[in-house]
Protein backbone atom coordinates (compact mmCIF):
# COMPACT_ATOMS: atom_id res chain seq x y z
CA UNK A 1 6.46 -2.68 16.88
CA UNK A 2 5.56 -0.29 14.06
CA UNK A 3 9.15 -0.24 12.83
CA UNK A 4 9.15 -4.01 12.39
CA UNK A 5 5.78 -3.96 10.64
CA UNK A 6 7.02 -1.21 8.33
CA UNK A 7 10.01 -3.36 7.37
CA UNK A 8 7.70 -6.29 6.66
CA UNK A 9 5.48 -4.08 4.51
CA UNK A 10 8.41 -2.65 2.53
CA UNK A 11 9.99 -6.03 1.93
CA UNK A 12 6.83 -7.95 1.03
CA UNK A 13 4.32 -5.50 -0.41
CA UNK A 14 6.01 -2.31 -1.56
CA UNK A 15 8.81 -4.15 -3.35
CA UNK A 16 6.30 -6.04 -5.51
CA UNK A 17 4.22 -2.94 -6.22
CA UNK A 18 7.34 -0.91 -7.07
CA UNK A 19 8.44 -3.60 -9.51
CA UNK A 20 5.44 -3.05 -11.77
CA UNK A 21 4.47 0.52 -10.88
CA UNK A 22 5.33 1.99 -14.29
CA UNK A 23 2.89 -0.40 -15.94
CA UNK A 24 0.23 -0.28 -13.23
CA UNK A 25 0.49 3.49 -12.80
CA UNK A 26 -0.40 4.13 -16.43
CA UNK A 27 -3.37 1.79 -16.58
CA UNK A 28 -7.05 2.72 -16.51
CA UNK A 29 -8.51 3.85 -13.21
CA UNK A 30 -10.83 0.85 -12.99
CA UNK A 31 -7.86 -1.52 -12.94
CA UNK A 32 -5.83 0.74 -10.70
CA UNK A 33 -8.65 0.86 -8.14
CA UNK A 34 -8.48 -2.92 -7.75
CA UNK A 35 -4.77 -2.64 -7.00
CA UNK A 36 -5.38 0.18 -4.50
CA UNK A 37 -8.03 -1.86 -2.67
CA UNK A 38 -5.73 -4.87 -2.47
CA UNK A 39 -2.85 -2.68 -1.29
CA UNK A 40 -4.96 -1.16 1.49
CA UNK A 41 -6.24 -4.57 2.58
CA UNK A 42 -2.69 -5.90 2.79
CA UNK A 43 -1.62 -2.99 4.97
CA UNK A 44 -4.54 -3.54 7.31
CA UNK A 45 -3.81 -7.28 7.40
CA UNK A 46 -0.14 -6.77 8.29
CA UNK A 47 -1.11 -4.36 11.07
CA UNK A 48 -4.02 -6.56 12.20
CA UNK A 49 -6.49 -3.69 11.93
CA UNK A 50 -10.22 -3.85 11.19
CA UNK A 51 -11.33 -3.13 7.66
CA UNK A 52 -13.04 0.12 8.67
CA UNK A 53 -9.78 1.73 9.83
CA UNK A 54 -8.83 5.00 8.12
CA UNK A 55 -6.00 4.11 5.75
CA UNK A 56 -4.69 7.67 5.36
CA UNK A 57 -3.70 7.83 9.01
CA UNK A 58 -1.90 4.50 8.62
CA UNK A 59 0.10 5.84 5.66
CA UNK A 60 1.13 8.87 7.72
CA UNK A 61 1.93 6.87 10.85
CA UNK A 62 4.16 4.36 9.07
CA UNK A 63 5.58 6.97 6.67
CA UNK A 64 4.75 4.93 3.59
CA UNK A 65 3.30 5.96 0.23
CA UNK A 66 0.07 5.04 -1.46
CA UNK A 67 -0.02 3.76 -5.06
CA UNK A 68 -0.37 7.23 -6.57
CA UNK A 69 2.63 8.64 -4.69
CA UNK A 70 4.74 5.58 -5.51
CA UNK A 71 4.07 6.19 -9.19
CA UNK A 72 4.95 9.89 -9.03
């Protein structure tokens, strides 16, 4: 199940974030934080997890990158 959800994430979310990452990655932290919050909410929504779930463990489990690592 996680493999299918990872494919959905990569095709729907990561592709859009990667498209504008050079612009978003160089913006001010206040604007970047809004993007990070939205990104984390989308991951939790796709996985049908509660909002209090630790997002770092989700990144590791699905082997996906957060916004900062995508930019680097």
